[in-house]
Amino acid sequence: MGLLSILLVGSGLFFADQEKGRFERKAASDILAQMVEGKGKVEVRVEPTLLGGLTGELHSATIRGSEFQLDEMPLFLEPERSKSGKIGELRLELKEFQLRKLRVSELKATIPGCRYDYGLAKSKSQIRVSQTGEGDGYVKLLEQDLADYLVAKYHEIKSCKVKLHGDTVWVEGYGEFLIVNSKFAVIGQVKIVDGTKLMLDNPSIYFDWVKADPLATQGLLKILNPIVDLERDLGLANAVTVEKVKMKDGVLTASGKTRIPTRPSDDSVSEVRK
């Protein structure tokens, strides 16, 4: 038997069809176990190279999930682990899930040049990423989910509606503020700050449909901004750098550069749970 034949036989031992399927199911179960109450749908698919069973090299690894709830993302960078395996493209395709207090309609990312602990993958069917590249991706949020999020995030806001149209966001509701209890409306644009914060910009603010004075405007903006903080509120740390925001048909799409995030501190998770 020639050297190439020996390598082909060896490479088939781990990523042969039967073993590949077993690995994908166990890896999906490992990720599902990280969801709140272990509920949701998760699927893992790997596409090895010709010698992938021997070298741990994958053309791609895809993680799909939906209908789950998380306090933090299910995959983090663990740089202390072995970098023995390579992933040409790591794809995350997540839909209809709850991340802390915010329901996310869709999150999709394609990240090239990742490394993972191949020994751990073989022994325990667990995917642990030890090196991340930088790719592209987006997050989609719906009007109603943003409204529910603002009510959950800010105790001063008792009810809320959000409308997204063109470059304008409209937030209307009822709040119990330090000085007054009142209906309010905010009409403005969304500005990206530091690649992680979505802020209301150039707002017109009304209380009971009377235009607010500068002091009241500043006070309400201090409560509402940032609308979403990807790092502090969602624990995405350095996972997403937002470069563009688009609003159409009641959907806010924030797109930009993506990477596997570092794990948030326990203090950060505890603070958001309060």
Protein backbone atom coordinates (compact mmCIF):
# COMPACT_ATOMS: atom_id res chain seq x y z
CA MET A 1 0.00 0.00 0.00
CA GLY A 2 1.45 3.40 -1.03
CA LEU A 3 1.85 6.37 1.28
CA LEU A 4 -1.15 8.18 -0.22
CA SER A 5 -3.36 5.12 0.31
CA ILE A 6 -2.24 4.84 3.93
CA LEU A 7 -3.05 8.52 4.50
CA LEU A 8 -6.46 8.18 2.89
CA VAL A 9 -7.32 5.19 5.09
CA GLY A 10 -6.11 7.02 8.19
CA SER A 11 -8.01 10.17 7.34
CA GLY A 12 -11.22 8.22 7.00
CA LEU A 13 -11.12 6.88 10.54
CA PHE A 14 -12.50 10.02 12.19
CA PHE A 15 -14.49 11.76 9.46
CA ALA A 16 -15.94 8.70 7.70
CA ASP A 17 -19.69 9.15 7.14
CA GLN A 18 -20.81 7.20 10.22
CA GLU A 19 -18.23 8.75 12.53
CA LYS A 20 -18.81 12.21 11.05
CA GLY A 21 -22.53 11.93 11.77
CA ARG A 22 -21.88 10.82 15.35
CA PHE A 23 -19.50 13.74 15.89
CA GLU A 24 -22.02 16.25 14.48
CA ARG A 25 -24.81 14.97 16.73
CA LYS A 26 -22.65 14.98 19.88
CA ALA A 27 -21.23 18.43 19.09
CA ALA A 28 -24.78 19.75 18.64
CA SER A 29 -25.80 18.20 21.98
CA ASP A 30 -22.82 19.85 23.68
CA ILE A 31 -23.87 23.27 22.36
CA LEU A 32 -27.55 22.67 23.22
CA ALA A 33 -26.57 21.90 26.81
CA GLN A 34 -25.42 25.53 27.13
CA MET A 35 -28.89 26.87 26.34
CA VAL A 36 -31.26 27.88 29.14
CA GLU A 37 -32.91 24.64 30.34
CA GLY A 38 -31.21 22.87 27.41
CA LYS A 39 -34.11 23.80 25.14
CA GLY A 40 -33.90 24.70 21.47
CA LYS A 41 -32.81 23.33 18.12
CA VAL A 42 -29.13 22.97 17.20
CA GLU A 43 -27.47 21.37 14.19
CA VAL A 44 -23.74 21.02 13.46
CA ARG A 45 -22.33 20.20 10.02
CA VAL A 46 -18.64 19.74 9.18
CA GLU A 47 -17.02 19.35 5.77
CA PRO A 48 -13.50 17.87 6.13
CA THR A 49 -10.75 18.18 3.56
CA LEU A 50 -9.46 15.03 1.85
CA LEU A 51 -7.02 14.39 4.71
CA GLY A 52 -9.18 16.05 7.38
CA GLY A 53 -9.51 12.93 9.49
CA LEU A 54 -5.74 12.84 9.85
CA THR A 55 -4.95 16.57 10.11
CA GLY A 56 -8.15 17.98 11.60
CA GLU A 57 -8.54 20.37 8.67
CA LEU A 58 -12.10 21.31 7.67
CA HIS A 59 -13.32 23.17 4.61
CA SER A 60 -16.12 24.47 6.81
CA ALA A 61 -18.02 23.99 10.05
CA THR A 62 -21.60 25.25 10.30
CA ILE A 63 -23.58 25.74 13.49
CA ARG A 64 -27.32 26.31 13.02
CA GLY A 65 -29.70 27.00 15.86
CA SER A 66 -33.16 28.38 16.63
CA GLU A 67 -35.81 28.72 19.34
CA PHE A 68 -33.39 28.87 22.26
CA GLN A 69 -32.50 31.24 25.08
CA LEU A 70 -28.98 32.25 26.15
CA ASP A 71 -27.25 34.48 28.67
CA GLU A 72 -24.13 34.39 26.49
CA MET A 73 -23.12 33.11 23.07
CA PRO A 74 -22.61 29.32 22.80
CA LEU A 75 -19.13 29.58 21.27
CA PHE A 76 -16.18 31.51 22.69
CA LEU A 77 -12.52 31.96 21.90
CA GLU A 78 -10.31 29.82 24.16
CA PRO A 79 -6.76 30.80 23.07
CA GLU A 80 -5.08 28.58 25.67
CA ARG A 81 -6.31 25.45 23.87
CA SER A 82 -4.52 23.52 21.14
CA LYS A 83 -4.58 24.97 17.63
CA SER A 84 -4.15 21.56 16.03
CA GLY A 85 -7.27 21.75 13.84
CA LYS A 86 -8.08 24.23 11.07
CA ILE A 87 -11.47 25.53 9.90
CA GLY A 88 -11.52 27.22 6.50
CA GLU A 89 -14.86 28.90 7.23
CA LEU A 90 -16.80 28.82 10.48
CA ARG A 91 -20.45 29.67 9.82
CA LEU A 92 -22.98 30.69 12.46
CA GLU A 93 -26.64 30.66 11.37
CA LEU A 94 -28.91 31.44 14.33
CA LYS A 95 -32.61 32.37 14.13
CA GLU A 96 -35.44 33.34 16.47
CA PHE A 97 -33.57 33.21 19.76
CA GLN A 98 -33.37 35.17 23.00
CA LEU A 99 -29.99 36.66 23.98
CA ARG A 100 -30.33 37.95 27.53
CA LYS A 101 -33.24 40.43 27.37
CA LEU A 102 -33.33 40.83 23.58
CA ARG A 103 -35.03 38.55 21.09
CA VAL A 104 -32.96 38.29 17.90
CA SER A 105 -34.65 37.50 14.60
CA GLU A 106 -31.46 36.35 12.87
CA LEU A 107 -27.70 36.33 13.37
CA LYS A 108 -25.44 35.14 10.59
CA ALA A 109 -21.65 35.21 10.37
CA THR A 110 -18.98 33.66 8.16
CA ILE A 111 -15.56 33.69 9.83
CA PRO A 112 -12.47 32.40 7.98
CA GLY A 113 -9.14 31.22 9.34
CA CYS A 114 -10.20 29.65 12.64
CA ARG A 115 -8.30 27.05 14.65
CA TYR A 116 -9.74 24.50 17.06
CA ASP A 117 -8.64 21.78 19.47
CA TYR A 118 -8.73 18.70 17.23
CA GLY A 119 -7.72 16.32 20.03
CA LEU A 120 -10.72 17.41 22.10
CA ALA A 121 -12.98 17.11 19.07
CA LYS A 122 -11.87 13.50 18.56
CA SER A 123 -12.05 12.48 22.21
CA LYS A 124 -15.21 14.32 23.36
CA SER A 125 -16.90 15.60 20.17
CA GLN A 126 -16.66 19.19 21.42
CA ILE A 127 -15.82 22.21 19.28
CA ARG A 128 -13.53 24.63 21.13
CA VAL A 129 -12.14 27.49 19.03
CA SER A 130 -8.61 28.58 19.95
CA GLN A 131 -7.96 31.13 17.19
CA THR A 132 -10.36 33.32 15.23
CA GLY A 133 -10.14 35.12 11.94
CA GLU A 134 -12.30 38.09 10.96
CA GLY A 135 -15.28 37.77 8.66
CA ASP A 136 -18.59 39.41 7.81
CA GLY A 137 -22.04 39.06 9.28
CA TYR A 138 -25.24 40.73 10.40
CA VAL A 139 -27.87 40.83 13.12
CA LYS A 140 -31.57 41.39 12.40
CA LEU A 141 -33.94 42.85 15.01
CA LEU A 142 -37.72 43.32 14.69
CA GLU A 143 -39.70 46.38 15.84
CA GLN A 144 -41.72 44.52 18.45
CA ASP A 145 -38.65 42.80 19.86
CA LEU A 146 -36.89 46.16 20.25
CA ALA A 147 -39.96 47.57 22.04
CA ASP A 148 -40.10 44.60 24.42
CA TYR A 149 -36.37 44.97 25.03
CA LEU A 150 -36.61 48.66 25.97
CA VAL A 151 -39.39 47.90 28.48
CA ALA A 152 -37.35 45.04 29.97
CA LYS A 153 -34.13 47.07 30.06
CA TYR A 154 -35.38 50.38 31.50
CA HIS A 155 -37.66 50.28 34.54
CA GLU A 156 -38.83 53.86 33.87
CA ILE A 157 -40.50 52.76 30.60
CA LYS A 158 -43.79 50.98 31.30
CA SER A 159 -45.02 50.50 27.73
CA CYS A 160 -43.46 51.12 24.36
CA LYS A 161 -43.88 50.85 20.58
CA VAL A 162 -41.07 51.08 18.03
CA LYS A 163 -41.45 51.90 14.34
CA LEU A 164 -38.59 51.63 11.85
CA HIS A 165 -38.84 53.37 8.49
CA GLY A 166 -36.09 54.48 6.14
CA ASP A 167 -33.46 56.21 8.25
CA THR A 168 -35.94 57.08 11.02
CA VAL A 169 -36.77 55.32 14.26
CA TRP A 170 -39.93 56.23 16.19
CA VAL A 171 -40.22 55.26 19.85
CA GLU A 172 -43.55 55.97 21.55
CA GLY A 173 -44.83 54.90 24.95
CA TYR A 174 -45.59 55.69 28.56
CA GLY A 175 -42.99 56.26 31.24
CA GLU A 176 -42.76 57.03 34.93
CA PHE A 177 -39.79 59.33 35.19
CA LEU A 178 -38.15 61.12 38.10
CA ILE A 179 -40.07 64.36 37.58
CA VAL A 180 -43.19 63.33 35.67
CA ASN A 181 -45.33 60.38 34.59
CA SER A 182 -46.19 60.91 30.95
CA LYS A 183 -46.71 59.61 27.46
CA PHE A 184 -43.63 60.24 25.35
CA ALA A 185 -42.46 60.06 21.75
CA VAL A 186 -38.96 60.11 20.31
CA ILE A 187 -38.29 60.56 16.59
CA GLY A 188 -34.70 60.33 15.39
CA GLN A 189 -32.02 58.40 13.55
CA VAL A 190 -29.74 55.56 14.64
CA LYS A 191 -26.05 56.32 15.01
CA ILE A 192 -23.26 53.76 15.45
CA VAL A 193 -20.82 54.54 18.27
CA ASP A 194 -17.58 52.58 18.82
CA GLY A 195 -18.87 49.80 16.54
CA THR A 196 -20.87 48.30 19.42
CA LYS A 197 -23.53 50.84 20.42
CA LEU A 198 -26.71 51.83 18.56
CA MET A 199 -27.66 55.34 19.71
CA LEU A 200 -30.61 57.66 19.05
CA ASP A 201 -29.31 60.69 17.17
CA ASN A 202 -30.81 64.08 16.20
CA PRO A 203 -33.98 63.35 18.18
CA SER A 204 -37.22 65.26 18.49
CA ILE A 205 -38.78 64.43 21.87
CA TYR A 206 -42.33 65.04 23.07
CA PHE A 207 -44.14 64.59 26.40
CA ASP A 208 -47.93 64.36 25.93
CA TRP A 209 -47.22 65.71 22.42
CA VAL A 210 -45.64 68.88 23.76
CA LYS A 211 -42.07 69.34 22.55
CA ALA A 212 -39.68 68.71 25.41
CA ASP A 213 -37.33 71.41 26.65
CA PRO A 214 -33.56 70.78 26.35
CA LEU A 215 -33.21 69.57 29.95
CA ALA A 216 -36.05 67.03 29.61
CA THR A 217 -34.69 65.95 26.22
CA GLN A 218 -31.29 65.30 27.71
CA GLY A 219 -32.85 63.36 30.61
CA LEU A 220 -34.86 61.00 28.39
CA LEU A 221 -31.93 60.44 26.03
CA LYS A 222 -29.80 59.51 29.02
CA ILE A 223 -32.34 56.77 29.81
CA LEU A 224 -32.80 55.48 26.25
CA ASN A 225 -29.22 55.60 24.98
CA PRO A 226 -27.72 53.38 23.91
CA ILE A 227 -30.77 51.60 22.50
CA VAL A 228 -28.63 48.47 22.21
CA ASP A 229 -25.11 47.97 23.56
CA LEU A 230 -23.78 44.78 21.98
CA GLU A 231 -20.99 44.47 24.52
CA ARG A 232 -22.58 45.41 27.84
CA ASP A 233 -26.20 44.36 27.21
CA LEU A 234 -25.67 41.26 25.08
CA GLY A 235 -22.21 40.09 26.13
CA LEU A 236 -20.94 40.01 22.54
CA ALA A 237 -17.68 41.67 23.61
CA ASN A 238 -15.58 41.85 20.42
CA ALA A 239 -17.81 39.53 18.37
CA VAL A 240 -19.31 42.21 16.12
CA THR A 241 -18.05 45.59 14.91
CA VAL A 242 -21.10 47.29 13.40
CA GLU A 243 -20.32 49.30 10.26
CA LYS A 244 -23.78 49.83 8.78
CA VAL A 245 -27.39 49.97 9.96
CA LYS A 246 -30.33 49.54 7.60
CA MET A 247 -34.02 49.82 8.52
CA LYS A 248 -36.70 48.46 6.20
CA ASP A 249 -40.18 46.95 6.62
CA GLY A 250 -39.94 46.95 10.42
CA VAL A 251 -36.54 45.22 10.50
CA LEU A 252 -33.27 46.73 11.73
CA THR A 253 -30.22 45.08 10.18
CA ALA A 254 -26.83 45.84 11.72
CA SER A 255 -23.95 44.50 9.62
CA GLY A 256 -20.18 44.57 9.89
CA LYS A 257 -17.10 42.59 10.86
CA THR A 258 -17.48 39.44 12.94
CA ARG A 259 -15.21 37.16 14.93
CA ILE A 260 -15.51 34.55 17.68
CA PRO A 261 -15.98 36.57 20.89
CA THR A 262 -14.04 36.42 24.10
CA ARG A 263 -16.07 35.16 27.04
CA PRO A 264 -17.69 37.98 29.08
CA SER A 265 -16.75 38.25 32.73
CA ASP A 266 -18.98 36.70 35.39
CA ASP A 267 -19.60 40.22 36.72
CA SER A 268 -20.94 41.30 33.32
CA VAL A 269 -23.36 38.38 33.14
CA SER A 270 -24.53 38.89 36.74
CA GLU A 271 -25.11 42.63 36.17
CA VAL A 272 -27.38 42.02 33.17
CA ARG A 273 -29.41 39.36 35.01
CA LYS A 274 -30.46 41.90 37.66
